[in-house]
Amino acid sequence: MKNIRKYTEDLEKQTLSPYATLSINSKGRERIEEKCELRTDFQRDRDRIIHCKAFRRLKHKTQVFLSPESDHYRTRLTHTLEVSQIARTIARALRFNEDLTEAIALAHDLGHTPFGHAGERALASLYPGGFTHFEQSVRVCRVIERAGEGLNLTAEVIDGILHHTRGDWAQTPEGKIVRFSDRIAYINHDIDDAVSAGVITEDDIPIDIRQILGFSKSERIDTLVKSVVSNTKTDDVKMDDATMRAYEALHMFLFDTVYRNSIVKSEETKVDGIVSGIYEYLIKNPDKLDDEYNDIREREGIHRAAADYIAGMTDHFAVMTYSNIYIPKEWKV
């Protein structure tokens, strides 16, 4: 059995691109651990992520549409799975490390707030120093999971999570792939959900964009994925300029027609009140904090603990918590 992990590591050396990140060359974990007999370090990270509590909660966190009546709209979990699928396709085509790519993709949104980016903006306005979901995702993996012990993931996975949205790019090509895959996934499934909601139609997308990217979700994903694969020659993951410009134009179209749409945003005005109401209550009543966040409060203060607690909530739990705090209960004589 002890040869199984070594066999996989040797197979990576023989079959992966010279620009791929080999698991045997990982910078390692913050806390040294004995190696697994069966799995490489990146495989082990992927498994820890899938089995953690924060991953399970993603199924009840908003992607774009708050409290949709249909079960077919994306949640943060289905978004994560779509990112993972796209990222694995690109990594396999380029012979990069698929296990590392998958681990980063599965963990990239673990720290996302309830109510999507509306919740993130609300919490950012309250927590001193601001709040970003990608930094919180790292914090979930390093500080919050396993009752404060963290998942003790490899440095490469942590780096990919931290740099999946904006700012500096990840140090590994696998992390760069996830950043592209996140964009490819959300722009296409947000269009799909917006069409299902009657907010836009496929024909509303400007014809010059459709002529480059395609006339359906599948065609657009295919075009964008092939652009990354065709234009990545080293560890510099990229698209061709024409496809990238079309993508950016499509992104701006979504901002104007979906993300700022009055129908989509109609319920978002309530998010600020829910998040700020819970946050302010916890600041004034630190004894009401959930027990598992008391150690954080003692080490880093009530503001940090309150932000961590709220960021970890699902949409339903946040609404229930707000209701328990502020809505009078029925009582019987």
C-alpha atoms as a PDB file:
ATOM      1  CA  MET A   1       0.000   0.000   0.000  1.00  0.00           C
ATOM      2  CA  LYS A   2       2.832   2.424   0.746  1.00  0.00           C
ATOM      3  CA  ASN A   3       3.789   2.366  -2.914  1.00  0.00           C
ATOM      4  CA  ILE A   4       0.393   3.616  -4.175  1.00  0.00           C
ATOM      5  CA  ARG A   5       0.975   7.295  -3.385  1.00  0.00           C
ATOM      6  CA  LYS A   6       4.519   7.087  -4.702  1.00  0.00           C
ATOM      7  CA  TYR A   7       3.243   5.461  -7.893  1.00  0.00           C
ATOM      8  CA  THR A   8       0.804   8.366  -8.405  1.00  0.00           C
ATOM      9  CA  GLU A   9       3.567  10.897  -7.761  1.00  0.00           C
ATOM     10  CA  ASP A  10       5.807   9.140 -10.281  1.00  0.00           C
ATOM     11  CA  LEU A  11       2.940   9.052 -12.779  1.00  0.00           C
ATOM     12  CA  GLU A  12       2.553  12.844 -12.429  1.00  0.00           C
ATOM     13  CA  LYS A  13       6.241  13.267 -13.306  1.00  0.00           C
ATOM     14  CA  GLN A  14       5.882  11.083 -16.386  1.00  0.00           C
ATOM     15  CA  THR A  15       2.577  12.360 -17.770  1.00  0.00           C
ATOM     16  CA  LEU A  16       1.979  15.966 -16.696  1.00  0.00           C
ATOM     17  CA  SER A  17       3.167  19.089 -18.463  1.00  0.00           C
ATOM     18  CA  PRO A  18       6.620  20.398 -17.481  1.00  0.00           C
ATOM     19  CA  TYR A  19       4.743  23.500 -16.277  1.00  0.00           C
ATOM     20  CA  ALA A  20       2.350  21.556 -14.029  1.00  0.00           C
ATOM     21  CA  THR A  21       2.578  21.681 -10.243  1.00  0.00           C
ATOM     22  CA  LEU A  22       3.680  18.245  -9.034  1.00  0.00           C
ATOM     23  CA  SER A  23       2.285  17.126  -5.700  1.00  0.00           C
ATOM     24  CA  ILE A  24       5.708  15.881  -4.626  1.00  0.00           C
ATOM     25  CA  ASN A  25       7.018  19.458  -5.047  1.00  0.00           C
ATOM     26  CA  SER A  26       4.348  21.053  -2.862  1.00  0.00           C
ATOM     27  CA  LYS A  27       5.547  23.705  -0.430  1.00  0.00           C
ATOM     28  CA  GLY A  28       3.701  21.743   2.198  1.00  0.00           C
ATOM     29  CA  ARG A  29       1.330  22.507   5.050  1.00  0.00           C
ATOM     30  CA  GLU A  30       1.566  24.902   7.981  1.00  0.00           C
ATOM     31  CA  ARG A  31       1.635  21.880  10.283  1.00  0.00           C
ATOM     32  CA  ILE A  32       3.707  18.910   9.154  1.00  0.00           C
ATOM     33  CA  GLU A  33       1.747  15.681   8.846  1.00  0.00           C
ATOM     34  CA  GLU A  34       2.572  12.098   8.053  1.00  0.00           C
ATOM     35  CA  LYS A  35       1.939  11.341   4.379  1.00  0.00           C
ATOM     36  CA  CYS A  36      -1.138   9.371   3.317  1.00  0.00           C
ATOM     37  CA  GLU A  37      -0.376   5.895   2.010  1.00  0.00           C
ATOM     38  CA  LEU A  38      -2.881   6.138  -0.838  1.00  0.00           C
ATOM     39  CA  ARG A  39      -3.350   9.794  -1.766  1.00  0.00           C
ATOM     40  CA  THR A  40      -1.102  12.637  -2.813  1.00  0.00           C
ATOM     41  CA  ASP A  41      -1.214  15.837  -0.774  1.00  0.00           C
ATOM     42  CA  PHE A  42      -3.496  17.544  -3.291  1.00  0.00           C
ATOM     43  CA  GLN A  43      -5.895  14.586  -3.365  1.00  0.00           C
ATOM     44  CA  ARG A  44      -6.000  14.712   0.400  1.00  0.00           C
ATOM     45  CA  ASP A  45      -6.811  18.439   0.337  1.00  0.00           C
ATOM     46  CA  ARG A  46      -9.693  17.854  -2.069  1.00  0.00           C
ATOM     47  CA  ASP A  47     -11.163  15.198   0.216  1.00  0.00           C
ATOM     48  CA  ARG A  48     -10.873  17.397   3.319  1.00  0.00           C
ATOM     49  CA  ILE A  49     -12.687  20.208   1.537  1.00  0.00           C
ATOM     50  CA  ILE A  50     -15.576  18.012   0.381  1.00  0.00           C
ATOM     51  CA  HIS A  51     -16.064  16.623   3.888  1.00  0.00           C
ATOM     52  CA  CYS A  52     -15.950  19.951   5.763  1.00  0.00           C
ATOM     53  CA  LYS A  53     -19.022  21.694   7.172  1.00  0.00           C
ATOM     54  CA  ALA A  54     -18.524  24.899   5.189  1.00  0.00           C
ATOM     55  CA  PHE A  55     -18.760  22.935   1.923  1.00  0.00           C
ATOM     56  CA  ARG A  56     -22.091  21.394   2.921  1.00  0.00           C
ATOM     57  CA  ARG A  57     -23.537  24.796   3.799  1.00  0.00           C
ATOM     58  CA  LEU A  58     -22.925  26.079   0.258  1.00  0.00           C
ATOM     59  CA  LYS A  59     -26.092  24.331  -0.924  1.00  0.00           C
ATOM     60  CA  HIS A  60     -28.196  26.836   1.039  1.00  0.00           C
ATOM     61  CA  LYS A  61     -26.317  30.005   0.068  1.00  0.00           C
ATOM     62  CA  THR A  62     -27.463  32.360  -2.693  1.00  0.00           C
ATOM     63  CA  GLN A  63     -25.591  32.673  -5.968  1.00  0.00           C
ATOM     64  CA  VAL A  64     -27.455  35.595  -7.625  1.00  0.00           C
ATOM     65  CA  PHE A  65     -31.218  35.209  -7.174  1.00  0.00           C
ATOM     66  CA  LEU A  66     -32.375  35.565  -3.562  1.00  0.00           C
ATOM     67  CA  SER A  67     -35.016  33.106  -2.351  1.00  0.00           C
ATOM     68  CA  PRO A  68     -36.118  31.844  -5.780  1.00  0.00           C
ATOM     69  CA  GLU A  69     -39.325  29.808  -5.922  1.00  0.00           C
ATOM     70  CA  SER A  70     -37.870  27.281  -8.377  1.00  0.00           C
ATOM     71  CA  ASP A  71     -35.380  24.596  -7.377  1.00  0.00           C
ATOM     72  CA  HIS A  72     -33.500  25.008 -10.657  1.00  0.00           C
ATOM     73  CA  TYR A  73     -31.661  28.253  -9.896  1.00  0.00           C
ATOM     74  CA  ARG A  74     -27.998  28.004  -9.004  1.00  0.00           C
ATOM     75  CA  THR A  75     -26.834  27.991  -5.420  1.00  0.00           C
ATOM     76  CA  ARG A  76     -23.308  28.611  -4.232  1.00  0.00           C
ATOM     77  CA  LEU A  77     -22.774  24.829  -4.212  1.00  0.00           C
ATOM     78  CA  THR A  78     -23.935  24.208  -7.776  1.00  0.00           C
ATOM     79  CA  HIS A  79     -21.794  27.158  -8.884  1.00  0.00           C
ATOM     80  CA  THR A  80     -18.807  25.548  -7.152  1.00  0.00           C
ATOM     81  CA  LEU A  81     -19.418  22.235  -8.895  1.00  0.00           C
ATOM     82  CA  GLU A  82     -19.695  23.939 -12.293  1.00  0.00           C
ATOM     83  CA  VAL A  83     -16.421  25.787 -11.673  1.00  0.00           C
ATOM     84  CA  SER A  84     -14.781  22.505 -10.695  1.00  0.00           C
ATOM     85  CA  GLN A  85     -16.018  20.738 -13.837  1.00  0.00           C
ATOM     86  CA  ILE A  86     -14.788  23.488 -16.159  1.00  0.00           C
ATOM     87  CA  ALA A  87     -11.460  23.772 -14.339  1.00  0.00           C
ATOM     88  CA  ARG A  88     -10.847  20.018 -14.505  1.00  0.00           C
ATOM     89  CA  THR A  89     -11.573  20.000 -18.237  1.00  0.00           C
ATOM     90  CA  ILE A  90      -9.015  22.741 -18.852  1.00  0.00           C
ATOM     91  CA  ALA A  91      -6.420  21.196 -16.522  1.00  0.00           C
ATOM     92  CA  ARG A  92      -6.723  17.783 -18.145  1.00  0.00           C
ATOM     93  CA  ALA A  93      -6.471  19.222 -21.654  1.00  0.00           C
ATOM     94  CA  LEU A  94      -3.297  21.131 -20.719  1.00  0.00           C
ATOM     95  CA  ARG A  95      -1.893  18.239 -18.645  1.00  0.00           C
ATOM     96  CA  PHE A  96      -1.759  20.356 -15.498  1.00  0.00           C
ATOM     97  CA  ASN A  97      -2.418  18.889 -12.057  1.00  0.00           C
ATOM     98  CA  GLU A  98      -6.109  18.047 -12.001  1.00  0.00           C
ATOM     99  CA  ASP A  99      -6.168  17.217  -8.286  1.00  0.00           C
ATOM    100  CA  LEU A 100      -4.735  20.594  -7.295  1.00  0.00           C
ATOM    101  CA  THR A 101      -7.098  22.358  -9.707  1.00  0.00           C
ATOM    102  CA  GLU A 102     -10.115  20.552  -8.290  1.00  0.00           C
ATOM    103  CA  ALA A 103      -9.153  21.256  -4.682  1.00  0.00           C
ATOM    104  CA  ILE A 104      -8.844  25.000  -5.335  1.00  0.00           C
ATOM    105  CA  ALA A 105     -12.123  25.063  -7.271  1.00  0.00           C
ATOM    106  CA  LEU A 106     -14.067  23.222  -4.580  1.00  0.00           C
ATOM    107  CA  ALA A 107     -12.766  25.520  -1.821  1.00  0.00           C
ATOM    108  CA  HIS A 108     -12.785  28.876  -3.586  1.00  0.00           C
ATOM    109  CA  ASP A 109     -16.130  30.055  -2.148  1.00  0.00           C
ATOM    110  CA  LEU A 110     -16.134  28.346   1.261  1.00  0.00           C
ATOM    111  CA  GLY A 111     -16.098  31.733   2.983  1.00  0.00           C
ATOM    112  CA  HIS A 112     -18.888  33.305   0.973  1.00  0.00           C
ATOM    113  CA  THR A 113     -21.611  35.049   2.947  1.00  0.00           C
ATOM    114  CA  PRO A 114     -25.326  34.307   2.869  1.00  0.00           C
ATOM    115  CA  PHE A 115     -27.301  36.274   0.235  1.00  0.00           C
ATOM    116  CA  GLY A 116     -24.463  36.257  -2.324  1.00  0.00           C
ATOM    117  CA  HIS A 117     -22.545  39.428  -3.060  1.00  0.00           C
ATOM    118  CA  ALA A 118     -25.260  41.512  -1.395  1.00  0.00           C
ATOM    119  CA  GLY A 119     -24.353  39.812   1.887  1.00  0.00           C
ATOM    120  CA  GLU A 120     -20.658  40.309   1.192  1.00  0.00           C
ATOM    121  CA  ARG A 121     -21.155  44.045   0.599  1.00  0.00           C
ATOM    122  CA  ALA A 122     -23.229  44.376   3.765  1.00  0.00           C
ATOM    123  CA  LEU A 123     -20.618  42.641   5.910  1.00  0.00           C
ATOM    124  CA  ALA A 124     -17.788  44.600   4.274  1.00  0.00           C
ATOM    125  CA  SER A 125     -19.456  47.846   5.347  1.00  0.00           C
ATOM    126  CA  LEU A 126     -19.706  46.671   8.958  1.00  0.00           C
ATOM    127  CA  TYR A 127     -16.490  44.835   9.727  1.00  0.00           C
ATOM    128  CA  PRO A 128     -13.540  47.181  10.494  1.00  0.00           C
ATOM    129  CA  GLY A 129     -11.037  46.944   7.652  1.00  0.00           C
ATOM    130  CA  GLY A 130     -13.562  45.491   5.234  1.00  0.00           C
ATOM    131  CA  PHE A 131     -14.464  41.947   4.234  1.00  0.00           C
ATOM    132  CA  THR A 132     -13.902  39.841   1.103  1.00  0.00           C
ATOM    133  CA  HIS A 133     -15.193  36.358   0.485  1.00  0.00           C
ATOM    134  CA  PHE A 134     -11.878  35.104  -0.911  1.00  0.00           C
ATOM    135  CA  GLU A 135      -9.956  36.124   2.223  1.00  0.00           C
ATOM    136  CA  GLN A 136     -12.726  34.589   4.311  1.00  0.00           C
ATOM    137  CA  SER A 137     -12.477  31.350   2.322  1.00  0.00           C
ATOM    138  CA  VAL A 138      -8.817  31.131   3.303  1.00  0.00           C
ATOM    139  CA  ARG A 139      -9.761  31.888   6.894  1.00  0.00           C
ATOM    140  CA  VAL A 140     -12.331  29.082   6.881  1.00  0.00           C
ATOM    141  CA  CYS A 141      -9.638  26.649   5.757  1.00  0.00           C
ATOM    142  CA  ARG A 142      -6.948  27.884   8.145  1.00  0.00           C
ATOM    143  CA  VAL A 143      -8.771  29.052  11.276  1.00  0.00           C
ATOM    144  CA  ILE A 144     -12.455  28.145  11.483  1.00  0.00           C
ATOM    145  CA  GLU A 145     -12.975  24.551  10.325  1.00  0.00           C
ATOM    146  CA  ARG A 146     -12.479  21.603  12.680  1.00  0.00           C
ATOM    147  CA  ALA A 147     -13.282  23.642  15.786  1.00  0.00           C
ATOM    148  CA  GLY A 148     -10.458  26.093  15.179  1.00  0.00           C
ATOM    149  CA  GLU A 149      -7.810  23.662  13.974  1.00  0.00           C
ATOM    150  CA  GLY A 150      -8.424  24.389  10.298  1.00  0.00           C
ATOM    151  CA  LEU A 151      -8.049  21.951   7.413  1.00  0.00           C
ATOM    152  CA  ASN A 152      -4.260  22.408   7.232  1.00  0.00           C
ATOM    153  CA  LEU A 153      -4.278  22.544   3.424  1.00  0.00           C
ATOM    154  CA  THR A 154      -1.194  22.810   1.248  1.00  0.00           C
ATOM    155  CA  ALA A 155       0.244  26.217   0.415  1.00  0.00           C
ATOM    156  CA  GLU A 156      -0.698  25.843  -3.266  1.00  0.00           C
ATOM    157  CA  VAL A 157      -4.388  25.335  -2.516  1.00  0.00           C
ATOM    158  CA  ILE A 158      -4.454  28.279  -0.103  1.00  0.00           C
ATOM    159  CA  ASP A 159      -2.732  30.485  -2.691  1.00  0.00           C
ATOM    160  CA  GLY A 160      -5.243  29.501  -5.374  1.00  0.00           C
ATOM    161  CA  ILE A 161      -8.212  30.253  -3.121  1.00  0.00           C
ATOM    162  CA  LEU A 162      -6.839  33.661  -2.128  1.00  0.00           C
ATOM    163  CA  HIS A 163      -6.229  34.771  -5.713  1.00  0.00           C
ATOM    164  CA  HIS A 164      -9.274  33.352  -7.491  1.00  0.00           C
ATOM    165  CA  THR A 165     -11.164  36.650  -7.840  1.00  0.00           C
ATOM    166  CA  ARG A 166      -9.039  39.774  -8.283  1.00  0.00           C
ATOM    167  CA  GLY A 167      -5.659  41.292  -7.556  1.00  0.00           C
ATOM    168  CA  ASP A 168      -2.491  39.286  -8.054  1.00  0.00           C
ATOM    169  CA  TRP A 169      -2.820  35.987  -9.873  1.00  0.00           C
ATOM    170  CA  ALA A 170      -2.128  32.637  -8.238  1.00  0.00           C
ATOM    171  CA  GLN A 171       1.438  31.364  -8.283  1.00  0.00           C
ATOM    172  CA  THR A 172       0.441  28.072  -9.907  1.00  0.00           C
ATOM    173  CA  PRO A 173      -1.097  27.546 -13.362  1.00  0.00           C
ATOM    174  CA  GLU A 174      -3.756  25.438 -11.661  1.00  0.00           C
ATOM    175  CA  GLY A 175      -4.799  28.425  -9.552  1.00  0.00           C
ATOM    176  CA  LYS A 176      -4.949  30.583 -12.684  1.00  0.00           C
ATOM    177  CA  ILE A 177      -7.166  27.996 -14.356  1.00  0.00           C
ATOM    178  CA  VAL A 178      -9.650  28.206 -11.475  1.00  0.00           C
ATOM    179  CA  ARG A 179      -9.773  31.992 -11.801  1.00  0.00           C
ATOM    180  CA  PHE A 180     -10.723  31.702 -15.468  1.00  0.00           C
ATOM    181  CA  SER A 181     -13.121  28.838 -14.746  1.00  0.00           C
ATOM    182  CA  ASP A 182     -14.916  30.844 -12.064  1.00  0.00           C
ATOM    183  CA  ARG A 183     -15.547  33.597 -14.601  1.00  0.00           C
ATOM    184  CA  ILE A 184     -16.605  31.204 -17.343  1.00  0.00           C
ATOM    185  CA  ALA A 185     -19.020  29.415 -15.004  1.00  0.00           C
ATOM    186  CA  TYR A 186     -20.754  32.347 -13.379  1.00  0.00           C
ATOM    187  CA  ILE A 187     -21.234  34.490 -16.466  1.00  0.00           C
ATOM    188  CA  ASN A 188     -22.941  31.607 -18.264  1.00  0.00           C
ATOM    189  CA  HIS A 189     -25.052  30.200 -15.456  1.00  0.00           C
ATOM    190  CA  ASP A 190     -26.127  33.715 -14.451  1.00  0.00           C
ATOM    191  CA  ILE A 191     -27.374  34.245 -18.008  1.00  0.00           C
ATOM    192  CA  ASP A 192     -29.133  30.877 -17.841  1.00  0.00           C
ATOM    193  CA  ASP A 193     -30.829  31.771 -14.544  1.00  0.00           C
ATOM    194  CA  ALA A 194     -31.740  35.251 -15.780  1.00  0.00           C
ATOM    195  CA  VAL A 195     -33.373  33.767 -18.886  1.00  0.00           C
ATOM    196  CA  SER A 196     -35.302  31.286 -16.710  1.00  0.00           C
ATOM    197  CA  ALA A 197     -36.463  34.178 -14.523  1.00  0.00           C
ATOM    198  CA  GLY A 198     -37.653  36.156 -17.532  1.00  0.00           C
ATOM    199  CA  VAL A 199     -35.223  38.982 -16.834  1.00  0.00           C
ATOM    200  CA  ILE A 200     -33.554  38.692 -20.260  1.00  0.00           C
ATOM    201  CA  THR A 201     -33.691  36.470 -23.320  1.00  0.00           C
ATOM    202  CA  GLU A 202     -30.807  34.991 -25.264  1.00  0.00           C
ATOM    203  CA  ASP A 203     -31.703  37.350 -28.104  1.00  0.00           C
ATOM    204  CA  ASP A 204     -31.057  40.351 -25.841  1.00  0.00           C
ATOM    205  CA  ILE A 205     -27.342  39.552 -25.857  1.00  0.00           C
ATOM    206  CA  PRO A 206     -25.714  41.837 -28.457  1.00  0.00           C
ATOM    207  CA  ILE A 207     -25.228  40.056 -31.763  1.00  0.00           C
ATOM    208  CA  ASP A 208     -21.524  40.941 -32.019  1.00  0.00           C
ATOM    209  CA  ILE A 209     -20.892  39.121 -28.726  1.00  0.00           C
ATOM    210  CA  ARG A 210     -22.918  36.083 -29.797  1.00  0.00           C
ATOM    211  CA  GLN A 211     -21.102  35.873 -33.104  1.00  0.00           C
ATOM    212  CA  ILE A 212     -17.799  35.479 -31.242  1.00  0.00           C
ATOM    213  CA  LEU A 213     -18.785  33.463 -28.171  1.00  0.00           C
ATOM    214  CA  GLY A 214     -21.768  31.499 -29.448  1.00  0.00           C
ATOM    215  CA  PHE A 215     -25.558  31.495 -29.440  1.00  0.00           C
ATOM    216  CA  SER A 216     -26.167  29.266 -26.394  1.00  0.00           C
ATOM    217  CA  LYS A 217     -24.712  28.533 -22.978  1.00  0.00           C
ATOM    218  CA  SER A 218     -22.984  25.400 -24.233  1.00  0.00           C
ATOM    219  CA  GLU A 219     -21.475  27.186 -27.225  1.00  0.00           C
ATOM    220  CA  ARG A 220     -20.184  30.038 -25.042  1.00  0.00           C
ATOM    221  CA  ILE A 221     -18.590  27.699 -22.521  1.00  0.00           C
ATOM    222  CA  ASP A 222     -17.039  25.680 -25.339  1.00  0.00           C
ATOM    223  CA  THR A 223     -15.589  28.822 -26.963  1.00  0.00           C
ATOM    224  CA  LEU A 224     -14.167  30.201 -23.717  1.00  0.00           C
ATOM    225  CA  VAL A 225     -12.672  26.881 -22.584  1.00  0.00           C
ATOM    226  CA  LYS A 226     -11.087  26.241 -25.991  1.00  0.00           C
ATOM    227  CA  SER A 227      -9.632  29.751 -25.991  1.00  0.00           C
ATOM    228  CA  VAL A 228      -7.854  29.077 -22.689  1.00  0.00           C
ATOM    229  CA  VAL A 229      -6.587  25.687 -23.849  1.00  0.00           C
ATOM    230  CA  SER A 230      -5.422  26.955 -27.255  1.00  0.00           C
ATOM    231  CA  ASN A 231      -3.627  30.034 -25.944  1.00  0.00           C
ATOM    232  CA  THR A 232      -1.871  28.580 -22.890  1.00  0.00           C
ATOM    233  CA  LYS A 233       1.597  27.458 -23.964  1.00  0.00           C
ATOM    234  CA  THR A 234       3.499  27.666 -20.667  1.00  0.00           C
ATOM    235  CA  ASP A 235       2.312  28.343 -17.128  1.00  0.00           C
ATOM    236  CA  ASP A 236       0.848  31.663 -18.336  1.00  0.00           C
ATOM    237  CA  VAL A 237      -2.831  30.763 -18.554  1.00  0.00           C
ATOM    238  CA  LYS A 238      -4.732  33.095 -20.892  1.00  0.00           C
ATOM    239  CA  MET A 239      -7.352  33.633 -23.600  1.00  0.00           C
ATOM    240  CA  ASP A 240      -6.881  35.223 -26.993  1.00  0.00           C
ATOM    241  CA  ASP A 241      -7.586  38.965 -27.099  1.00  0.00           C
ATOM    242  CA  ALA A 242     -10.731  38.822 -29.245  1.00  0.00           C
ATOM    243  CA  THR A 243     -12.412  36.226 -27.007  1.00  0.00           C
ATOM    244  CA  MET A 244     -11.387  38.099 -23.872  1.00  0.00           C
ATOM    245  CA  ARG A 245     -12.850  41.345 -25.209  1.00  0.00           C
ATOM    246  CA  ALA A 246     -16.109  39.570 -26.053  1.00  0.00           C
ATOM    247  CA  TYR A 247     -16.182  38.062 -22.569  1.00  0.00           C
ATOM    248  CA  GLU A 248     -15.684  41.475 -20.957  1.00  0.00           C
ATOM    249  CA  ALA A 249     -18.433  42.960 -23.131  1.00  0.00           C
ATOM    250  CA  LEU A 250     -20.765  40.124 -22.067  1.00  0.00           C
ATOM    251  CA  HIS A 251     -19.873  40.801 -18.437  1.00  0.00           C
ATOM    252  CA  MET A 252     -20.802  44.473 -18.818  1.00  0.00           C
ATOM    253  CA  PHE A 253     -24.062  43.445 -20.505  1.00  0.00           C
ATOM    254  CA  LEU A 254     -24.888  41.308 -17.461  1.00  0.00           C
ATOM    255  CA  PHE A 255     -24.126  44.164 -15.078  1.00  0.00           C
ATOM    256  CA  ASP A 256     -26.458  46.477 -16.941  1.00  0.00           C
ATOM    257  CA  THR A 257     -29.310  44.026 -17.503  1.00  0.00           C
ATOM    258  CA  VAL A 258     -29.129  41.492 -14.640  1.00  0.00           C
ATOM    259  CA  TYR A 259     -26.940  42.429 -11.679  1.00  0.00           C
ATOM    260  CA  ARG A 260     -28.410  45.955 -11.505  1.00  0.00           C
ATOM    261  CA  ASN A 261     -31.888  44.898 -12.592  1.00  0.00           C
ATOM    262  CA  SER A 262     -34.655  46.136 -10.297  1.00  0.00           C
ATOM    263  CA  ILE A 263     -36.380  42.726 -10.301  1.00  0.00           C
ATOM    264  CA  VAL A 264     -33.188  40.893  -9.325  1.00  0.00           C
ATOM    265  CA  LYS A 265     -32.259  43.483  -6.706  1.00  0.00           C
ATOM    266  CA  SER A 266     -35.764  43.919  -5.264  1.00  0.00           C
ATOM    267  CA  GLU A 267     -35.097  41.640  -2.302  1.00  0.00           C
ATOM    268  CA  GLU A 268     -31.480  42.760  -1.823  1.00  0.00           C
ATOM    269  CA  THR A 269     -32.575  45.918  -0.006  1.00  0.00           C
ATOM    270  CA  LYS A 270     -33.573  43.667   2.893  1.00  0.00           C
ATOM    271  CA  VAL A 271     -30.149  42.047   3.114  1.00  0.00           C
ATOM    272  CA  ASP A 272     -28.440  45.079   4.668  1.00  0.00           C
ATOM    273  CA  GLY A 273     -31.009  45.145   7.441  1.00  0.00           C
ATOM    274  CA  ILE A 274     -30.685  41.435   8.207  1.00  0.00           C
ATOM    275  CA  VAL A 275     -26.874  41.365   8.210  1.00  0.00           C
ATOM    276  CA  SER A 276     -26.438  44.652  10.092  1.00  0.00           C
ATOM    277  CA  GLY A 277     -29.169  43.708  12.569  1.00  0.00           C
ATOM    278  CA  ILE A 278     -27.474  40.429  13.479  1.00  0.00           C
ATOM    279  CA  TYR A 279     -24.006  42.005  13.530  1.00  0.00           C
ATOM    280  CA  GLU A 280     -24.979  44.889  15.817  1.00  0.00           C
ATOM    281  CA  TYR A 281     -26.856  42.541  18.147  1.00  0.00           C
ATOM    282  CA  LEU A 282     -23.832  40.260  18.515  1.00  0.00           C
ATOM    283  CA  ILE A 283     -21.503  43.197  19.163  1.00  0.00           C
ATOM    284  CA  LYS A 284     -23.763  44.347  22.000  1.00  0.00           C
ATOM    285  CA  ASN A 285     -24.478  40.811  23.235  1.00  0.00           C
ATOM    286  CA  PRO A 286     -21.302  38.755  22.800  1.00  0.00           C
ATOM    287  CA  ASP A 287     -22.681  36.074  25.106  1.00  0.00           C
ATOM    288  CA  LYS A 288     -25.223  35.231  22.380  1.00  0.00           C
ATOM    289  CA  LEU A 289     -22.486  34.175  19.985  1.00  0.00           C
ATOM    290  CA  ASP A 290     -22.482  30.533  18.948  1.00  0.00           C
ATOM    291  CA  ASP A 291     -20.181  28.524  21.235  1.00  0.00           C
ATOM    292  CA  GLU A 292     -17.704  27.491  18.538  1.00  0.00           C
ATOM    293  CA  TYR A 293     -16.814  31.152  17.918  1.00  0.00           C
ATOM    294  CA  ASN A 294     -16.010  32.000  21.533  1.00  0.00           C
ATOM    295  CA  ASP A 295     -12.333  31.124  21.126  1.00  0.00           C
ATOM    296  CA  ILE A 296     -12.136  33.506  18.179  1.00  0.00           C
ATOM    297  CA  ARG A 297     -13.780  36.236  20.266  1.00  0.00           C
ATOM    298  CA  GLU A 298     -11.240  35.747  23.049  1.00  0.00           C
ATOM    299  CA  ARG A 299      -8.266  35.795  20.656  1.00  0.00           C
ATOM    300  CA  GLU A 300      -9.346  38.337  18.045  1.00  0.00           C
ATOM    301  CA  GLY A 301     -12.303  40.226  19.490  1.00  0.00           C
ATOM    302  CA  ILE A 302     -16.052  40.264  19.065  1.00  0.00           C
ATOM    303  CA  HIS A 303     -16.011  42.039  15.667  1.00  0.00           C
ATOM    304  CA  ARG A 304     -13.949  39.250  14.123  1.00  0.00           C
ATOM    305  CA  ALA A 305     -16.050  36.534  15.742  1.00  0.00           C
ATOM    306  CA  ALA A 306     -19.317  38.163  14.659  1.00  0.00           C
ATOM    307  CA  ALA A 307     -18.096  38.496  11.051  1.00  0.00           C
ATOM    308  CA  ASP A 308     -16.981  34.854  11.001  1.00  0.00           C
ATOM    309  CA  TYR A 309     -20.285  33.688  12.446  1.00  0.00           C
ATOM    310  CA  ILE A 310     -22.429  35.643   9.981  1.00  0.00           C
ATOM    311  CA  ALA A 311     -20.273  34.714   6.972  1.00  0.00           C
ATOM    312  CA  GLY A 312     -20.787  31.055   7.791  1.00  0.00           C
ATOM    313  CA  MET A 313     -24.575  31.303   7.916  1.00  0.00           C
ATOM    314  CA  THR A 314     -26.861  29.972   5.210  1.00  0.00           C
ATOM    315  CA  ASP A 315     -29.594  32.277   3.893  1.00  0.00           C
ATOM    316  CA  HIS A 316     -32.260  30.452   5.888  1.00  0.00           C
ATOM    317  CA  PHE A 317     -30.263  30.437   9.124  1.00  0.00           C
ATOM    318  CA  ALA A 318     -29.542  34.173   8.811  1.00  0.00           C
ATOM    319  CA  VAL A 319     -33.245  34.939   8.346  1.00  0.00           C
ATOM    320  CA  MET A 320     -34.160  32.675  11.247  1.00  0.00           C
ATOM    321  CA  THR A 321     -31.510  34.259  13.479  1.00  0.00           C
ATOM    322  CA  TYR A 322     -32.725  37.765  12.629  1.00  0.00           C
ATOM    323  CA  SER A 323     -36.317  36.713  13.276  1.00  0.00           C
ATOM    324  CA  ASN A 324     -35.435  35.189  16.654  1.00  0.00           C
ATOM    325  CA  ILE A 325     -33.715  38.438  17.676  1.00  0.00           C
ATOM    326  CA  TYR A 326     -36.185  41.035  16.441  1.00  0.00           C
ATOM    327  CA  ILE A 327     -39.583  39.475  15.671  1.00  0.00           C
ATOM    328  CA  PRO A 328     -41.933  39.010  18.662  1.00  0.00           C
ATOM    329  CA  LYS A 329     -42.964  35.436  19.359  1.00  0.00           C
ATOM    330  CA  GLU A 330     -46.538  34.315  19.719  1.00  0.00           C
ATOM    331  CA  TRP A 331     -47.486  33.425  23.281  1.00  0.00           C
ATOM    332  CA  LYS A 332     -50.348  31.720  24.964  1.00  0.00           C
ATOM    333  CA  VAL A 333     -52.100  32.701  28.193  1.00  0.00           C
END
